[in-house]
PDB file of N, CA and C in Angstrom:
ATOM      1  N   UNK A   1      -7.414 -14.537   9.336  1.00  0.00           N
ATOM      2  CA  UNK A   1      -8.124 -13.650   8.437  1.00  0.00           C
ATOM      3  C   UNK A   1      -7.187 -12.597   7.852  1.00  0.00           C
ATOM      4  N   UNK A   2      -5.905 -12.722   8.070  1.00  0.00           N
ATOM      5  CA  UNK A   2      -4.871 -11.851   7.507  1.00  0.00           C
ATOM      6  C   UNK A   2      -5.022 -10.386   7.904  1.00  0.00           C
ATOM      7  N   UNK A   3      -5.585 -10.128   9.073  1.00  0.00           N
ATOM      8  CA  UNK A   3      -5.670  -8.762   9.592  1.00  0.00           C
ATOM      9  C   UNK A   3      -4.671  -8.614  10.729  1.00  0.00           C
ATOM     10  N   UNK A   4      -4.125  -7.456  10.861  1.00  0.00           N
ATOM     11  CA  UNK A   4      -3.167  -7.192  11.924  1.00  0.00           C
ATOM     12  C   UNK A   4      -3.687  -6.066  12.797  1.00  0.00           C
ATOM     13  N   UNK A   5      -3.584  -6.248  14.091  1.00  0.00           N
ATOM     14  CA  UNK A   5      -4.009  -5.223  15.036  1.00  0.00           C
ATOM     15  C   UNK A   5      -2.775  -4.714  15.764  1.00  0.00           C
ATOM     16  N   UNK A   6      -2.659  -3.411  15.849  1.00  0.00           N
ATOM     17  CA  UNK A   6      -1.517  -2.796  16.514  1.00  0.00           C
ATOM     18  C   UNK A   6      -2.045  -1.800  17.541  1.00  0.00           C
ATOM     19  N   UNK A   7      -1.626  -1.949  18.773  1.00  0.00           N
ATOM     20  CA  UNK A   7      -2.039  -1.028  19.827  1.00  0.00           C
ATOM     21  C   UNK A   7      -0.932  -0.010  20.059  1.00  0.00           C
ATOM     22  N   UNK A   8      -1.279   1.254  19.972  1.00  0.00           N
ATOM     23  CA  UNK A   8      -0.323   2.331  20.222  1.00  0.00           C
ATOM     24  C   UNK A   8      -0.993   3.365  21.118  1.00  0.00           C
ATOM     25  N   UNK A   9      -0.188   4.151  21.773  1.00  0.00           N
ATOM     26  CA  UNK A   9      -0.721   5.231  22.597  1.00  0.00           C
ATOM     27  C   UNK A   9      -1.152   6.400  21.730  1.00  0.00           C
ATOM     28  N   UNK A  10      -1.650   7.434  22.367  1.00  0.00           N
ATOM     29  CA  UNK A  10      -2.139   8.618  21.658  1.00  0.00           C
ATOM     30  C   UNK A  10      -1.053   9.239  20.788  1.00  0.00           C
ATOM     31  N   UNK A  11       0.138   9.410  21.349  1.00  0.00           N
ATOM     32  CA  UNK A  11       1.235  10.022  20.594  1.00  0.00           C
ATOM     33  C   UNK A  11       1.602   9.168  19.374  1.00  0.00           C
ATOM     34  N   UNK A  12       1.694   7.863  19.567  1.00  0.00           N
ATOM     35  CA  UNK A  12       2.007   6.964  18.457  1.00  0.00           C
ATOM     36  C   UNK A  12       0.934   6.987  17.388  1.00  0.00           C
ATOM     37  N   UNK A  13      -0.330   7.010  17.821  1.00  0.00           N
ATOM     38  CA  UNK A  13      -1.431   7.054  16.862  1.00  0.00           C
ATOM     39  C   UNK A  13      -1.374   8.316  16.017  1.00  0.00           C
ATOM     40  N   UNK A  14      -1.117   9.431  16.655  1.00  0.00           N
ATOM     41  CA  UNK A  14      -1.050  10.696  15.918  1.00  0.00           C
ATOM     42  C   UNK A  14       0.084  10.673  14.893  1.00  0.00           C
ATOM     43  N   UNK A  15       1.194  10.070  15.256  1.00  0.00           N
ATOM     44  CA  UNK A  15       2.325   9.977  14.327  1.00  0.00           C
ATOM     45  C   UNK A  15       1.995   9.035  13.165  1.00  0.00           C
ATOM     46  N   UNK A  16       1.395   7.888  13.472  1.00  0.00           N
ATOM     47  CA  UNK A  16       1.087   6.896  12.441  1.00  0.00           C
ATOM     48  C   UNK A  16      -0.038   7.329  11.509  1.00  0.00           C
ATOM     49  N   UNK A  17      -0.921   8.209  11.973  1.00  0.00           N
ATOM     50  CA  UNK A  17      -2.073   8.585  11.161  1.00  0.00           C
ATOM     51  C   UNK A  17      -1.890   9.901  10.411  1.00  0.00           C
ATOM     52  N   UNK A  18      -0.676  10.418  10.379  1.00  0.00           N
ATOM     53  CA  UNK A  18      -0.418  11.641   9.621  1.00  0.00           C
ATOM     54  C   UNK A  18      -0.563  11.378   8.126  1.00  0.00           C
ATOM     55  N   UNK A  19      -1.064  12.363   7.422  1.00  0.00           N
ATOM     56  CA  UNK A  19      -1.197  12.266   5.970  1.00  0.00           C
ATOM     57  C   UNK A  19       0.155  12.577   5.342  1.00  0.00           C
ATOM     58  N   UNK A  20       0.575  11.713   4.439  1.00  0.00           N
ATOM     59  CA  UNK A  20       1.834  11.927   3.730  1.00  0.00           C
ATOM     60  C   UNK A  20       1.538  12.778   2.497  1.00  0.00           C
ATOM     61  N   UNK A  21       2.063  13.998   2.411  1.00  0.00           N
ATOM     62  CA  UNK A  21       1.764  14.862   1.274  1.00  0.00           C
ATOM     63  C   UNK A  21       2.293  14.316  -0.053  1.00  0.00           C
ATOM     64  N   UNK A  22       3.228  13.396  -0.002  1.00  0.00           N
ATOM     65  CA  UNK A  22       3.778  12.813  -1.231  1.00  0.00           C
ATOM     66  C   UNK A  22       3.138  11.469  -1.581  1.00  0.00           C
ATOM     67  N   UNK A  23       2.144  11.042  -0.820  1.00  0.00           N
ATOM     68  CA  UNK A  23       1.562   9.715  -0.998  1.00  0.00           C
ATOM     69  C   UNK A  23       1.029   9.488  -2.406  1.00  0.00           C
ATOM     70  N   UNK A  24       0.271  10.435  -2.940  1.00  0.00           N
ATOM     71  CA  UNK A  24      -0.311  10.265  -4.271  1.00  0.00           C
ATOM     72  C   UNK A  24       0.781  10.122  -5.327  1.00  0.00           C
ATOM     73  N   UNK A  25       1.781  10.973  -5.245  1.00  0.00           N
ATOM     74  CA  UNK A  25       2.901  10.919  -6.187  1.00  0.00           C
ATOM     75  C   UNK A  25       3.634   9.575  -6.083  1.00  0.00           C
ATOM     76  N   UNK A  26       3.876   9.125  -4.872  1.00  0.00           N
ATOM     77  CA  UNK A  26       4.613   7.879  -4.667  1.00  0.00           C
ATOM     78  C   UNK A  26       3.833   6.663  -5.149  1.00  0.00           C
ATOM     79  N   UNK A  27       2.529   6.611  -4.866  1.00  0.00           N
ATOM     80  CA  UNK A  27       1.752   5.445  -5.293  1.00  0.00           C
ATOM     81  C   UNK A  27       1.626   5.403  -6.807  1.00  0.00           C
ATOM     82  N   UNK A  28       1.480   6.545  -7.435  1.00  0.00           N
ATOM     83  CA  UNK A  28       1.406   6.572  -8.899  1.00  0.00           C
ATOM     84  C   UNK A  28       2.716   6.100  -9.525  1.00  0.00           C
ATOM     85  N   UNK A  29       3.837   6.489  -8.939  1.00  0.00           N
ATOM     86  CA  UNK A  29       5.148   6.051  -9.429  1.00  0.00           C
ATOM     87  C   UNK A  29       5.276   4.532  -9.314  1.00  0.00           C
ATOM     88  N   UNK A  30       4.867   3.978  -8.178  1.00  0.00           N
ATOM     89  CA  UNK A  30       4.964   2.534  -7.969  1.00  0.00           C
ATOM     90  C   UNK A  30       4.031   1.774  -8.908  1.00  0.00           C
ATOM     91  N   UNK A  31       2.840   2.305  -9.150  1.00  0.00           N
ATOM     92  CA  UNK A  31       1.907   1.657 -10.065  1.00  0.00           C
ATOM     93  C   UNK A  31       2.491   1.626 -11.474  1.00  0.00           C
ATOM     94  N   UNK A  32       3.133   2.710 -11.894  1.00  0.00           N
ATOM     95  CA  UNK A  32       3.761   2.749 -13.212  1.00  0.00           C
ATOM     96  C   UNK A  32       4.869   1.708 -13.337  1.00  0.00           C
ATOM     97  N   UNK A  33       5.601   1.470 -12.255  1.00  0.00           N
ATOM     98  CA  UNK A  33       6.718   0.528 -12.283  1.00  0.00           C
ATOM     99  C   UNK A  33       6.279  -0.914 -12.026  1.00  0.00           C
ATOM    100  N   UNK A  34       5.044  -1.091 -11.612  1.00  0.00           N
ATOM    101  CA  UNK A  34       4.519  -2.417 -11.302  1.00  0.00           C
ATOM    102  C   UNK A  34       4.445  -3.250 -12.578  1.00  0.00           C
ATOM    103  N   UNK A  35       4.729  -4.524 -12.459  1.00  0.00           N
ATOM    104  CA  UNK A  35       4.741  -5.391 -13.638  1.00  0.00           C
ATOM    105  C   UNK A  35       3.593  -6.397 -13.603  1.00  0.00           C
ATOM    106  N   UNK A  36       2.521  -6.087 -12.887  1.00  0.00           N
ATOM    107  CA  UNK A  36       1.435  -7.049 -12.746  1.00  0.00           C
ATOM    108  C   UNK A  36       0.650  -7.259 -14.036  1.00  0.00           C
ATOM    109  N   UNK A  37       0.707  -6.319 -14.959  1.00  0.00           N
ATOM    110  CA  UNK A  37      -0.002  -6.486 -16.234  1.00  0.00           C
ATOM    111  C   UNK A  37       0.491  -7.745 -16.940  1.00  0.00           C
ATOM    112  N   UNK A  38       1.795  -7.984 -16.938  1.00  0.00           N
ATOM    113  CA  UNK A  38       2.336  -9.173 -17.599  1.00  0.00           C
ATOM    114  C   UNK A  38       1.908 -10.449 -16.872  1.00  0.00           C
ATOM    115  N   UNK A  39       1.752 -10.380 -15.557  1.00  0.00           N
ATOM    116  CA  UNK A  39       1.304 -11.540 -14.780  1.00  0.00           C
ATOM    117  C   UNK A  39      -0.117 -11.917 -15.180  1.00  0.00           C
ATOM    118  N   UNK A  40      -1.005 -10.943 -15.186  1.00  0.00           N
ATOM    119  CA  UNK A  40      -2.401 -11.211 -15.498  1.00  0.00           C
ATOM    120  C   UNK A  40      -2.625 -11.442 -16.990  1.00  0.00           C
ATOM    121  N   UNK A  41      -1.718 -10.961 -17.838  1.00  0.00           N
ATOM    122  CA  UNK A  41      -1.820 -11.157 -19.285  1.00  0.00           C
ATOM    123  C   UNK A  41      -1.803 -12.646 -19.623  1.00  0.00           C
ATOM    124  N   UNK A  42      -1.082 -13.425 -18.837  1.00  0.00           N
ATOM    125  CA  UNK A  42      -0.968 -14.861 -19.084  1.00  0.00           C
ATOM    126  C   UNK A  42      -2.157 -15.649 -18.542  1.00  0.00           C
ATOM    127  N   UNK A  43      -3.218 -14.955 -18.131  1.00  0.00           N
ATOM    128  CA  UNK A  43      -4.433 -15.611 -17.673  1.00  0.00           C
ATOM    129  C   UNK A  43      -4.454 -15.956 -16.198  1.00  0.00           C
ATOM    130  N   UNK A  44      -3.445 -15.540 -15.462  1.00  0.00           N
ATOM    131  CA  UNK A  44      -3.410 -15.829 -14.033  1.00  0.00           C
ATOM    132  C   UNK A  44      -4.400 -14.909 -13.321  1.00  0.00           C
ATOM    133  N   UNK A  45      -5.129 -15.473 -12.368  1.00  0.00           N
ATOM    134  CA  UNK A  45      -6.158 -14.712 -11.656  1.00  0.00           C
ATOM    135  C   UNK A  45      -5.651 -14.149 -10.340  1.00  0.00           C
ATOM    136  N   UNK A  46      -4.686 -14.847  -9.713  1.00  0.00           N
ATOM    137  CA  UNK A  46      -4.185 -14.437  -8.403  1.00  0.00           C
ATOM    138  C   UNK A  46      -2.666 -14.474  -8.394  1.00  0.00           C
ATOM    139  N   UNK A  47      -2.111 -13.797  -7.424  1.00  0.00           N
ATOM    140  CA  UNK A  47      -0.658 -13.823  -7.234  1.00  0.00           C
ATOM    141  C   UNK A  47      -0.268 -15.127  -6.616  1.00  0.00           C
TER     142      UNK A  47
END
C-alpha cells in the first residue's frame, strides 16, 4: 500500500515532528522549479 511505518522513541519523535520555519518558503521554491506542467501538458495523467 506504499505506506512506511517508522518506530522512534520519544526523543526521536520530538526531533522528527518539529516544524520547519522555512518549510513554506522551500516548498514554494520547489513548486516554481517543478516541470510537471510540461508533463501533463502532453495529456499524461500519471507519472
